[in-house]
Amino acid sequence: MKNPILRALALALSLAAAGTAFARSDIRDGNAMVQPVKGDKYSIDGAVMGKAELYGYMGGLRDDDHITGIVLKRGGSDEQRRVIGSIAKTLGLKSFEQDGGDLKEIPQPATKAPAPAIENPPATSDGEPAAATPASTEKPAGG
């Protein structure tokens, strides 16, 4: 009776190990390898996803598997390159495109301009900020 149970347990453990190895097959040298798909979709680890799903998936790979970059495999459109660069920049990763056996860097979007400074409200004579003037409660003429 022990022998069939041990066989089943060994089979279950080996399948789980094989499944884990297969699930992360698209990571090489610390880079997530993303295949471009028609319609501005992306394929990685056997799943096809849009840019929002890819962003979330890349965030998970960054946190769990400690990837350092995203590689768009050959055949991507300009829009797909732009999306990969944007996702990589947001997640603090490098972005590349596969060019034969080499990796060519994908330019990431420029940094956003800093938010405009908020001006301090005028101070009163005691150094405290002046209170905001309440909106008028008068009704418009003729109404």
C-alpha atoms as a PDB file:
ATOM      1  CA  MET A   1       0.000   0.000   0.000  1.00  0.00           C
ATOM      2  CA  LYS A   2       2.868   2.392   0.728  1.00  0.00           C
ATOM      3  CA  ASN A   3       4.460   1.883  -2.662  1.00  0.00           C
ATOM      4  CA  PRO A   4       1.572   3.351  -4.796  1.00  0.00           C
ATOM      5  CA  ILE A   5       1.246   6.311  -2.424  1.00  0.00           C
ATOM      6  CA  LEU A   6       4.964   7.051  -2.642  1.00  0.00           C
ATOM      7  CA  ARG A   7       4.858   6.779  -6.444  1.00  0.00           C
ATOM      8  CA  ALA A   8       1.924   9.192  -6.628  1.00  0.00           C
ATOM      9  CA  LEU A   9       3.694  11.611  -4.305  1.00  0.00           C
ATOM     10  CA  ALA A  10       6.925  11.419  -6.311  1.00  0.00           C
ATOM     11  CA  LEU A  11       5.005  11.978  -9.562  1.00  0.00           C
ATOM     12  CA  ALA A  12       3.152  14.965  -8.104  1.00  0.00           C
ATOM     13  CA  LEU A  13       6.377  16.549  -6.852  1.00  0.00           C
ATOM     14  CA  SER A  14       8.183  16.046 -10.160  1.00  0.00           C
ATOM     15  CA  LEU A  15       5.258  17.537 -12.111  1.00  0.00           C
ATOM     16  CA  ALA A  16       5.159  20.540  -9.779  1.00  0.00           C
ATOM     17  CA  ALA A  17       8.898  21.100 -10.215  1.00  0.00           C
ATOM     18  CA  ALA A  18       8.604  20.779 -13.995  1.00  0.00           C
ATOM     19  CA  GLY A  19       5.663  23.193 -14.036  1.00  0.00           C
ATOM     20  CA  THR A  20       7.614  25.793 -12.060  1.00  0.00           C
ATOM     21  CA  ALA A  21      10.596  25.511 -14.394  1.00  0.00           C
ATOM     22  CA  PHE A  22       8.358  25.815 -17.454  1.00  0.00           C
ATOM     23  CA  ALA A  23       6.421  28.784 -16.095  1.00  0.00           C
ATOM     24  CA  ARG A  24       9.563  30.919 -15.949  1.00  0.00           C
ATOM     25  CA  SER A  25      11.147  29.725 -19.187  1.00  0.00           C
ATOM     26  CA  ASP A  26      11.007  33.204 -20.738  1.00  0.00           C
ATOM     27  CA  ILE A  27      13.578  34.717 -18.358  1.00  0.00           C
ATOM     28  CA  ARG A  28      17.169  34.732 -19.593  1.00  0.00           C
ATOM     29  CA  ASP A  29      20.143  36.447 -17.968  1.00  0.00           C
ATOM     30  CA  GLY A  30      17.828  38.447 -15.722  1.00  0.00           C
ATOM     31  CA  ASN A  31      15.699  39.705 -18.626  1.00  0.00           C
ATOM     32  CA  ALA A  32      12.066  38.870 -19.349  1.00  0.00           C
ATOM     33  CA  MET A  33      11.776  37.789 -22.998  1.00  0.00           C
ATOM     34  CA  VAL A  34       8.537  39.186 -24.486  1.00  0.00           C
ATOM     35  CA  GLN A  35       7.255  38.077 -27.900  1.00  0.00           C
ATOM     36  CA  PRO A  36       5.294  40.706 -29.878  1.00  0.00           C
ATOM     37  CA  VAL A  37       1.876  39.543 -31.087  1.00  0.00           C
ATOM     38  CA  LYS A  38      -0.498  41.156 -33.617  1.00  0.00           C
ATOM     39  CA  GLY A  39      -2.860  43.817 -32.372  1.00  0.00           C
ATOM     40  CA  ASP A  40      -0.432  45.364 -29.881  1.00  0.00           C
ATOM     41  CA  LYS A  41      -0.495  42.262 -27.695  1.00  0.00           C
ATOM     42  CA  TYR A  42       2.434  40.522 -26.040  1.00  0.00           C
ATOM     43  CA  SER A  43       3.233  36.890 -25.245  1.00  0.00           C
ATOM     44  CA  ILE A  44       5.337  35.658 -22.349  1.00  0.00           C
ATOM     45  CA  ASP A  45       5.360  32.316 -20.540  1.00  0.00           C
ATOM     46  CA  GLY A  46       2.634  31.019 -22.852  1.00  0.00           C
ATOM     47  CA  ALA A  47       0.141  33.801 -22.068  1.00  0.00           C
ATOM     48  CA  VAL A  48      -1.002  36.534 -24.467  1.00  0.00           C
ATOM     49  CA  MET A  49      -1.806  39.854 -22.828  1.00  0.00           C
ATOM     50  CA  GLY A  50      -2.336  43.535 -23.470  1.00  0.00           C
ATOM     51  CA  LYS A  51      -0.122  46.320 -22.170  1.00  0.00           C
ATOM     52  CA  ALA A  52      -1.915  46.710 -18.817  1.00  0.00           C
ATOM     53  CA  GLU A  53      -1.673  42.994 -18.069  1.00  0.00           C
ATOM     54  CA  LEU A  54       1.955  42.978 -19.224  1.00  0.00           C
ATOM     55  CA  TYR A  55       2.743  45.854 -16.863  1.00  0.00           C
ATOM     56  CA  GLY A  56       1.325  43.920 -13.917  1.00  0.00           C
ATOM     57  CA  TYR A  57       3.081  40.714 -14.951  1.00  0.00           C
ATOM     58  CA  MET A  58       6.436  42.498 -15.337  1.00  0.00           C
ATOM     59  CA  GLY A  59       5.976  44.051 -11.889  1.00  0.00           C
ATOM     60  CA  GLY A  60       5.464  40.582 -10.458  1.00  0.00           C
ATOM     61  CA  LEU A  61       8.560  39.251 -12.229  1.00  0.00           C
ATOM     62  CA  ARG A  62      10.578  42.205 -10.960  1.00  0.00           C
ATOM     63  CA  ASP A  63       9.480  41.595  -7.387  1.00  0.00           C
ATOM     64  CA  ASP A  64       9.517  37.778  -7.363  1.00  0.00           C
ATOM     65  CA  ASP A  65      12.237  36.815  -9.848  1.00  0.00           C
ATOM     66  CA  HIS A  66      14.318  40.004  -9.622  1.00  0.00           C
ATOM     67  CA  ILE A  67      14.459  40.668 -13.370  1.00  0.00           C
ATOM     68  CA  THR A  68      16.546  43.673 -14.403  1.00  0.00           C
ATOM     69  CA  GLY A  69      15.264  44.201 -17.934  1.00  0.00           C
ATOM     70  CA  ILE A  70      12.617  43.520 -20.565  1.00  0.00           C
ATOM     71  CA  VAL A  71      13.570  42.244 -24.034  1.00  0.00           C
ATOM     72  CA  LEU A  72      11.125  42.611 -26.928  1.00  0.00           C
ATOM     73  CA  LYS A  73      11.868  39.794 -29.350  1.00  0.00           C
ATOM     74  CA  ARG A  74      12.192  40.539 -33.062  1.00  0.00           C
ATOM     75  CA  GLY A  75       9.189  41.725 -35.049  1.00  0.00           C
ATOM     76  CA  GLY A  76       7.712  44.345 -32.745  1.00  0.00           C
ATOM     77  CA  SER A  77       6.046  47.522 -33.996  1.00  0.00           C
ATOM     78  CA  ASP A  78       7.098  51.050 -33.045  1.00  0.00           C
ATOM     79  CA  GLU A  79       4.124  51.199 -30.645  1.00  0.00           C
ATOM     80  CA  GLN A  80       5.166  47.927 -28.997  1.00  0.00           C
ATOM     81  CA  ARG A  81       8.712  49.271 -28.556  1.00  0.00           C
ATOM     82  CA  ARG A  82       7.310  52.435 -27.003  1.00  0.00           C
ATOM     83  CA  VAL A  83       5.131  50.431 -24.595  1.00  0.00           C
ATOM     84  CA  ILE A  84       8.043  48.201 -23.544  1.00  0.00           C
ATOM     85  CA  GLY A  85      10.208  51.299 -22.937  1.00  0.00           C
ATOM     86  CA  SER A  86       7.457  52.945 -20.903  1.00  0.00           C
ATOM     87  CA  ILE A  87       6.760  49.846 -18.781  1.00  0.00           C
ATOM     88  CA  ALA A  88      10.475  49.351 -18.153  1.00  0.00           C
ATOM     89  CA  LYS A  89      10.976  52.977 -17.127  1.00  0.00           C
ATOM     90  CA  THR A  90       8.011  52.923 -14.756  1.00  0.00           C
ATOM     91  CA  LEU A  91       9.245  49.717 -13.113  1.00  0.00           C
ATOM     92  CA  GLY A  92      12.874  50.838 -12.975  1.00  0.00           C
ATOM     93  CA  LEU A  93      14.043  48.222 -15.495  1.00  0.00           C
ATOM     94  CA  LYS A  94      16.164  48.320 -18.660  1.00  0.00           C
ATOM     95  CA  SER A  95      14.469  47.881 -22.047  1.00  0.00           C
ATOM     96  CA  PHE A  96      15.917  46.102 -25.081  1.00  0.00           C
ATOM     97  CA  GLU A  97      14.959  44.781 -28.492  1.00  0.00           C
ATOM     98  CA  GLN A  98      16.452  41.571 -29.808  1.00  0.00           C
ATOM     99  CA  ASP A  99      18.558  42.348 -32.871  1.00  0.00           C
ATOM    100  CA  GLY A 100      19.893  39.042 -34.154  1.00  0.00           C
ATOM    101  CA  GLY A 101      22.054  37.695 -31.346  1.00  0.00           C
ATOM    102  CA  ASP A 102      22.530  41.143 -29.822  1.00  0.00           C
ATOM    103  CA  LEU A 103      20.338  43.352 -27.682  1.00  0.00           C
ATOM    104  CA  LYS A 104      19.657  46.889 -28.857  1.00  0.00           C
ATOM    105  CA  GLU A 105      18.510  49.351 -26.213  1.00  0.00           C
ATOM    106  CA  ILE A 106      14.959  50.668 -26.563  1.00  0.00           C
ATOM    107  CA  PRO A 107      14.814  54.359 -25.675  1.00  0.00           C
ATOM    108  CA  GLN A 108      12.696  55.080 -22.638  1.00  0.00           C
ATOM    109  CA  PRO A 109      10.423  58.126 -22.496  1.00  0.00           C
ATOM    110  CA  ALA A 110      11.891  61.329 -21.156  1.00  0.00           C
ATOM    111  CA  THR A 111      11.240  62.184 -17.547  1.00  0.00           C
ATOM    112  CA  LYS A 112       8.150  64.181 -16.822  1.00  0.00           C
ATOM    113  CA  ALA A 113       8.557  67.847 -16.071  1.00  0.00           C
ATOM    114  CA  PRO A 114       8.340  68.568 -12.352  1.00  0.00           C
ATOM    115  CA  ALA A 115       4.981  69.742 -11.090  1.00  0.00           C
ATOM    116  CA  PRO A 116       4.699  73.519 -10.851  1.00  0.00           C
ATOM    117  CA  ALA A 117       5.512  74.924  -7.461  1.00  0.00           C
ATOM    118  CA  ILE A 118       2.579  75.926  -5.314  1.00  0.00           C
ATOM    119  CA  GLU A 119       2.837  79.535  -4.289  1.00  0.00           C
ATOM    120  CA  ASN A 120       2.473  80.271  -0.620  1.00  0.00           C
ATOM    121  CA  PRO A 121      -0.631  82.276   0.229  1.00  0.00           C
ATOM    122  CA  PRO A 122       0.016  85.814   1.427  1.00  0.00           C
ATOM    123  CA  ALA A 123       0.748  85.986   5.136  1.00  0.00           C
ATOM    124  CA  THR A 124      -1.136  88.164   7.602  1.00  0.00           C
ATOM    125  CA  SER A 125       0.638  90.590   9.904  1.00  0.00           C
ATOM    126  CA  ASP A 126       1.109  87.845  12.532  1.00  0.00           C
ATOM    127  CA  GLY A 127       2.894  85.545  10.037  1.00  0.00           C
ATOM    128  CA  GLU A 128      -0.028  83.112   9.628  1.00  0.00           C
ATOM    129  CA  PRO A 129      -1.335  82.324   6.139  1.00  0.00           C
ATOM    130  CA  ALA A 130      -4.352  84.393   5.164  1.00  0.00           C
ATOM    131  CA  ALA A 131      -7.709  82.598   5.213  1.00  0.00           C
ATOM    132  CA  ALA A 132      -9.259  81.808   1.874  1.00  0.00           C
ATOM    133  CA  THR A 133     -11.969  84.223   0.800  1.00  0.00           C
ATOM    134  CA  PRO A 134     -15.368  82.478   0.829  1.00  0.00           C
ATOM    135  CA  ALA A 135     -17.202  82.285  -2.472  1.00  0.00           C
ATOM    136  CA  SER A 136     -19.934  84.830  -3.050  1.00  0.00           C
ATOM    137  CA  THR A 137     -23.403  83.689  -2.017  1.00  0.00           C
ATOM    138  CA  GLU A 138     -25.239  86.378  -3.946  1.00  0.00           C
ATOM    139  CA  LYS A 139     -27.704  85.280  -6.615  1.00  0.00           C
ATOM    140  CA  PRO A 140     -27.051  86.526 -10.133  1.00  0.00           C
ATOM    141  CA  ALA A 141     -29.137  89.461 -11.305  1.00  0.00           C
ATOM    142  CA  GLY A 142     -32.368  88.635 -13.045  1.00  0.00           C
ATOM    143  CA  GLY A 143     -32.788  85.236 -11.469  1.00  0.00           C
END
